[in-house]
Amino acid sequence: MLELRPTCEHCNRALPPDSPDARICSYECTFCATCVETVLGNVCPNCGGGFVPRPVRPATNWKGNNYLGADPAGTKIRHRPVNAAEHAKFSAAIRGILPNQR
């Protein structure tokens, strides 16, 4: 189950569970859409993968107790600002490769 991490790892912007701006990689590294587009170039600084919009967990118990009330969002903040120059060097060779082909 996704943690639904509470903030962008780079800029520390709040990303509540219903945020349409949250982006995650396959390891659930979490960044805001702005940082993914302007700083990271859709390359995760931790694994090299790409990002997708984070799913929204329902706030209402529509079925089977599968909702935020039973499975709350994470609260642990992982603020690890990315060094833009180092990330540019790291991602240069893979930035042009589609995430599903990396």
N, C-alpha and C. Protein backbone atom coordinates (compact mmCIF):
# COMPACT_ATOMS: atom_id res chain seq x y z
N MET A 1 0.83 -1.17 0.00
CA MET A 1 0.00 0.00 0.00
C MET A 1 0.88 1.25 0.00
N LEU A 2 0.51 2.23 -0.79
CA LEU A 2 1.28 3.47 -0.87
C LEU A 2 1.25 4.23 0.45
N GLU A 3 2.40 4.81 0.79
CA GLU A 3 2.48 5.62 2.01
C GLU A 3 1.73 6.94 1.89
N LEU A 4 1.64 7.46 0.68
CA LEU A 4 1.10 8.80 0.46
C LEU A 4 1.91 9.81 1.28
N ARG A 5 3.17 9.92 0.94
CA ARG A 5 4.08 10.80 1.68
C ARG A 5 3.59 12.25 1.63
N PRO A 6 3.80 12.99 2.71
CA PRO A 6 3.15 14.28 2.89
C PRO A 6 3.74 15.49 2.18
N THR A 7 4.99 15.39 1.69
CA THR A 7 5.61 16.56 1.08
C THR A 7 6.51 16.17 -0.08
N CYS A 8 6.88 17.17 -0.88
CA CYS A 8 7.86 17.01 -1.96
C CYS A 8 9.23 16.83 -1.33
N GLU A 9 9.96 15.83 -1.77
CA GLU A 9 11.29 15.58 -1.20
C GLU A 9 12.26 16.72 -1.51
N HIS A 10 12.05 17.45 -2.60
CA HIS A 10 12.97 18.52 -2.96
C HIS A 10 12.61 19.85 -2.30
N CYS A 11 11.41 20.36 -2.57
CA CYS A 11 11.06 21.71 -2.09
C CYS A 11 10.26 21.71 -0.80
N ASN A 12 9.87 20.54 -0.33
CA ASN A 12 9.13 20.37 0.92
C ASN A 12 7.70 20.92 0.85
N ARG A 13 7.20 21.14 -0.35
CA ARG A 13 5.82 21.60 -0.53
C ARG A 13 4.86 20.53 -0.02
N ALA A 14 3.81 20.96 0.65
CA ALA A 14 2.80 20.03 1.16
C ALA A 14 2.08 19.33 0.01
N LEU A 15 1.96 18.01 0.12
CA LEU A 15 1.25 17.19 -0.86
C LEU A 15 0.24 16.33 -0.11
N PRO A 16 -0.91 16.91 0.24
CA PRO A 16 -1.91 16.14 0.99
C PRO A 16 -2.39 14.94 0.18
N PRO A 17 -3.06 14.00 0.81
CA PRO A 17 -3.47 12.76 0.14
C PRO A 17 -4.28 12.96 -1.14
N ASP A 18 -5.00 14.07 -1.24
CA ASP A 18 -5.82 14.32 -2.42
C ASP A 18 -5.16 15.25 -3.44
N SER A 19 -3.87 15.49 -3.30
CA SER A 19 -3.17 16.43 -4.18
C SER A 19 -3.03 15.89 -5.60
N PRO A 20 -3.50 16.65 -6.59
CA PRO A 20 -3.30 16.25 -7.98
C PRO A 20 -1.89 16.56 -8.47
N ASP A 21 -1.09 17.24 -7.65
CA ASP A 21 0.27 17.63 -8.04
C ASP A 21 1.35 16.67 -7.55
N ALA A 22 1.00 15.63 -6.82
CA ALA A 22 1.99 14.68 -6.31
C ALA A 22 2.42 13.74 -7.43
N ARG A 23 3.71 13.48 -7.52
CA ARG A 23 4.27 12.54 -8.49
C ARG A 23 5.13 11.53 -7.74
N ILE A 24 5.09 10.27 -8.18
CA ILE A 24 5.88 9.22 -7.54
C ILE A 24 6.59 8.39 -8.60
N CYS A 25 7.71 7.78 -8.19
CA CYS A 25 8.39 6.80 -9.03
C CYS A 25 7.98 5.41 -8.52
N SER A 26 8.54 4.37 -9.08
CA SER A 26 8.14 3.02 -8.66
C SER A 26 8.58 2.68 -7.25
N TYR A 27 9.50 3.45 -6.69
CA TYR A 27 9.91 3.25 -5.30
C TYR A 27 9.19 4.20 -4.36
N GLU A 28 8.23 4.93 -4.88
CA GLU A 28 7.41 5.88 -4.15
C GLU A 28 8.16 7.13 -3.70
N CYS A 29 9.29 7.42 -4.34
CA CYS A 29 9.92 8.71 -4.10
C CYS A 29 8.87 9.73 -4.51
N THR A 30 8.68 10.77 -3.72
CA THR A 30 7.56 11.68 -3.93
C THR A 30 8.05 13.11 -4.14
N PHE A 31 7.61 13.70 -5.23
CA PHE A 31 7.96 15.06 -5.58
C PHE A 31 6.72 15.76 -6.13
N CYS A 32 6.72 17.08 -6.11
CA CYS A 32 5.61 17.82 -6.70
C CYS A 32 5.83 17.89 -8.22
N ALA A 33 4.75 18.14 -8.94
CA ALA A 33 4.82 18.19 -10.40
C ALA A 33 5.80 19.26 -10.88
N THR A 34 5.84 20.38 -10.19
CA THR A 34 6.74 21.47 -10.58
C THR A 34 8.20 21.03 -10.51
N CYS A 35 8.59 20.38 -9.43
CA CYS A 35 9.98 19.93 -9.30
C CYS A 35 10.31 18.84 -10.31
N VAL A 36 9.36 17.93 -10.55
CA VAL A 36 9.58 16.86 -11.54
C VAL A 36 9.85 17.47 -12.91
N GLU A 37 9.09 18.50 -13.27
CA GLU A 37 9.22 19.11 -14.59
C GLU A 37 10.39 20.07 -14.70
N THR A 38 10.63 20.89 -13.68
CA THR A 38 11.63 21.95 -13.81
C THR A 38 13.01 21.62 -13.26
N VAL A 39 13.09 20.75 -12.27
CA VAL A 39 14.37 20.43 -11.66
C VAL A 39 14.86 19.04 -12.07
N LEU A 40 13.95 18.08 -12.06
CA LEU A 40 14.34 16.67 -12.25
C LEU A 40 14.25 16.18 -13.69
N GLY A 41 13.51 16.86 -14.54
CA GLY A 41 13.38 16.42 -15.93
C GLY A 41 12.80 15.02 -16.05
N ASN A 42 11.89 14.67 -15.15
CA ASN A 42 11.24 13.36 -15.12
C ASN A 42 12.23 12.21 -14.90
N VAL A 43 13.31 12.48 -14.19
CA VAL A 43 14.28 11.44 -13.81
C VAL A 43 14.40 11.45 -12.30
N CYS A 44 14.03 10.34 -11.66
CA CYS A 44 14.13 10.26 -10.21
C CYS A 44 15.60 10.33 -9.79
N PRO A 45 15.94 11.23 -8.87
CA PRO A 45 17.33 11.35 -8.44
C PRO A 45 17.81 10.17 -7.60
N ASN A 46 16.87 9.34 -7.14
CA ASN A 46 17.23 8.21 -6.29
C ASN A 46 17.39 6.90 -7.05
N CYS A 47 16.61 6.73 -8.14
CA CYS A 47 16.67 5.45 -8.86
C CYS A 47 16.83 5.59 -10.36
N GLY A 48 16.60 6.77 -10.91
CA GLY A 48 16.71 6.96 -12.35
C GLY A 48 15.42 6.67 -13.11
N GLY A 49 14.39 6.26 -12.41
CA GLY A 49 13.12 5.98 -13.06
C GLY A 49 12.35 7.25 -13.36
N GLY A 50 11.19 7.09 -13.97
CA GLY A 50 10.33 8.22 -14.29
C GLY A 50 9.24 8.37 -13.24
N PHE A 51 8.43 9.37 -13.41
CA PHE A 51 7.37 9.68 -12.46
C PHE A 51 5.99 9.57 -13.10
N VAL A 52 5.00 9.26 -12.27
CA VAL A 52 3.60 9.24 -12.66
C VAL A 52 2.81 9.96 -11.59
N PRO A 53 1.59 10.43 -11.94
CA PRO A 53 0.75 11.04 -10.90
C PRO A 53 0.44 10.03 -9.80
N ARG A 54 0.52 10.49 -8.56
CA ARG A 54 0.22 9.61 -7.43
C ARG A 54 -1.29 9.40 -7.34
N PRO A 55 -1.74 8.15 -7.17
CA PRO A 55 -3.18 7.92 -7.01
C PRO A 55 -3.71 8.58 -5.75
N VAL A 56 -5.00 8.89 -5.79
CA VAL A 56 -5.67 9.49 -4.63
C VAL A 56 -6.45 8.39 -3.92
N ARG A 57 -6.19 8.23 -2.63
CA ARG A 57 -6.93 7.26 -1.82
C ARG A 57 -8.27 7.89 -1.44
N PRO A 58 -9.37 7.19 -1.63
CA PRO A 58 -10.67 7.77 -1.31
C PRO A 58 -10.76 8.22 0.15
N ALA A 59 -11.42 9.35 0.35
CA ALA A 59 -11.64 9.86 1.70
C ALA A 59 -12.90 9.25 2.31
N THR A 60 -13.74 8.68 1.48
CA THR A 60 -15.00 8.08 1.92
C THR A 60 -14.93 6.56 1.84
N ASN A 61 -15.51 5.90 2.80
CA ASN A 61 -15.54 4.43 2.82
C ASN A 61 -16.64 3.93 1.88
N TRP A 62 -16.31 3.88 0.62
CA TRP A 62 -17.28 3.44 -0.38
C TRP A 62 -17.47 1.93 -0.35
N LYS A 63 -16.39 1.18 -0.03
CA LYS A 63 -16.50 -0.27 -0.07
C LYS A 63 -15.34 -0.90 0.68
N GLY A 64 -15.62 -1.87 1.51
CA GLY A 64 -14.60 -2.70 2.13
C GLY A 64 -13.62 -2.03 3.05
N ASN A 65 -13.96 -0.89 3.59
CA ASN A 65 -13.07 -0.19 4.52
C ASN A 65 -11.76 0.24 3.86
N ASN A 66 -11.78 0.47 2.55
CA ASN A 66 -10.61 0.91 1.79
C ASN A 66 -10.69 2.41 1.59
N TYR A 67 -10.21 3.15 2.59
CA TYR A 67 -10.26 4.61 2.53
C TYR A 67 -9.27 5.20 3.53
N LEU A 68 -9.10 6.52 3.46
CA LEU A 68 -8.13 7.20 4.32
C LEU A 68 -8.37 6.98 5.81
N GLY A 69 -9.60 6.84 6.21
CA GLY A 69 -9.90 6.62 7.62
C GLY A 69 -9.31 5.33 8.15
N ALA A 70 -9.30 4.29 7.33
CA ALA A 70 -8.75 3.00 7.74
C ALA A 70 -7.26 2.91 7.43
N ASP A 71 -6.83 3.56 6.37
CA ASP A 71 -5.42 3.54 5.93
C ASP A 71 -4.96 4.97 5.72
N PRO A 72 -4.61 5.67 6.81
CA PRO A 72 -4.23 7.09 6.70
C PRO A 72 -2.94 7.30 5.93
N ALA A 73 -2.81 8.51 5.42
CA ALA A 73 -1.60 8.91 4.71
C ALA A 73 -0.41 8.95 5.66
N GLY A 74 0.78 8.81 5.10
CA GLY A 74 2.00 8.87 5.89
C GLY A 74 2.23 10.28 6.44
N THR A 75 3.02 10.34 7.50
CA THR A 75 3.32 11.63 8.11
C THR A 75 4.81 11.93 8.15
N LYS A 76 5.64 10.95 7.83
CA LYS A 76 7.09 11.14 7.88
C LYS A 76 7.56 11.96 6.68
N ILE A 77 8.16 13.10 6.98
CA ILE A 77 8.67 13.98 5.93
C ILE A 77 10.07 13.54 5.53
N ARG A 78 10.28 13.46 4.21
CA ARG A 78 11.59 13.11 3.66
C ARG A 78 12.08 14.30 2.84
N HIS A 79 12.61 15.30 3.49
CA HIS A 79 13.09 16.49 2.80
C HIS A 79 14.56 16.31 2.46
N ARG A 80 14.82 15.99 1.20
CA ARG A 80 16.18 15.76 0.72
C ARG A 80 16.38 16.56 -0.56
N PRO A 81 16.63 17.87 -0.43
CA PRO A 81 16.77 18.70 -1.63
C PRO A 81 17.81 18.14 -2.60
N VAL A 82 17.48 18.22 -3.87
CA VAL A 82 18.34 17.70 -4.92
C VAL A 82 19.34 18.77 -5.33
N ASN A 83 20.59 18.40 -5.47
CA ASN A 83 21.61 19.30 -6.01
C ASN A 83 21.42 19.31 -7.52
N ALA A 84 20.95 20.43 -8.05
CA ALA A 84 20.61 20.51 -9.47
C ALA A 84 21.78 20.18 -10.39
N ALA A 85 22.98 20.64 -10.05
CA ALA A 85 24.15 20.37 -10.90
C ALA A 85 24.50 18.89 -10.90
N GLU A 86 24.48 18.26 -9.73
CA GLU A 86 24.77 16.83 -9.65
C GLU A 86 23.69 16.02 -10.36
N HIS A 87 22.44 16.44 -10.22
CA HIS A 87 21.35 15.70 -10.88
C HIS A 87 21.46 15.83 -12.41
N ALA A 88 21.85 17.00 -12.89
CA ALA A 88 22.02 17.18 -14.33
C ALA A 88 23.07 16.23 -14.87
N LYS A 89 24.18 16.06 -14.15
CA LYS A 89 25.23 15.11 -14.57
C LYS A 89 24.71 13.68 -14.54
N PHE A 90 24.03 13.32 -13.45
CA PHE A 90 23.48 11.97 -13.29
C PHE A 90 22.47 11.64 -14.38
N SER A 91 21.58 12.58 -14.66
CA SER A 91 20.46 12.29 -15.56
C SER A 91 20.75 12.55 -17.04
N ALA A 92 21.87 13.16 -17.35
CA ALA A 92 22.17 13.52 -18.74
C ALA A 92 22.06 12.34 -19.71
N ALA A 93 22.61 11.21 -19.33
CA ALA A 93 22.64 10.06 -20.23
C ALA A 93 21.29 9.36 -20.36
N ILE A 94 20.41 9.52 -19.38
CA ILE A 94 19.15 8.77 -19.41
C ILE A 94 17.92 9.64 -19.61
N ARG A 95 18.09 10.94 -19.54
CA ARG A 95 16.95 11.86 -19.65
C ARG A 95 16.19 11.69 -20.96
N GLY A 96 16.88 11.38 -22.03
CA GLY A 96 16.26 11.24 -23.34
C GLY A 96 15.64 9.86 -23.58
N ILE A 97 15.80 8.96 -22.65
CA ILE A 97 15.23 7.61 -22.77
C ILE A 97 13.88 7.61 -22.07
N LEU A 98 12.86 7.11 -22.74
CA LEU A 98 11.54 7.04 -22.11
C LEU A 98 11.61 6.20 -20.84
N PRO A 99 10.89 6.61 -19.79
CA PRO A 99 10.95 5.88 -18.52
C PRO A 99 10.69 4.37 -18.64
N ASN A 100 9.79 3.96 -19.53
CA ASN A 100 9.50 2.53 -19.66
C ASN A 100 10.60 1.77 -20.39
N GLN A 101 11.63 2.48 -20.85
CA GLN A 101 12.75 1.82 -21.54
C GLN A 101 14.07 1.98 -20.80
N ARG A 102 14.03 2.59 -19.61
CA ARG A 102 15.27 2.80 -18.84
C ARG A 102 15.71 1.55 -18.16
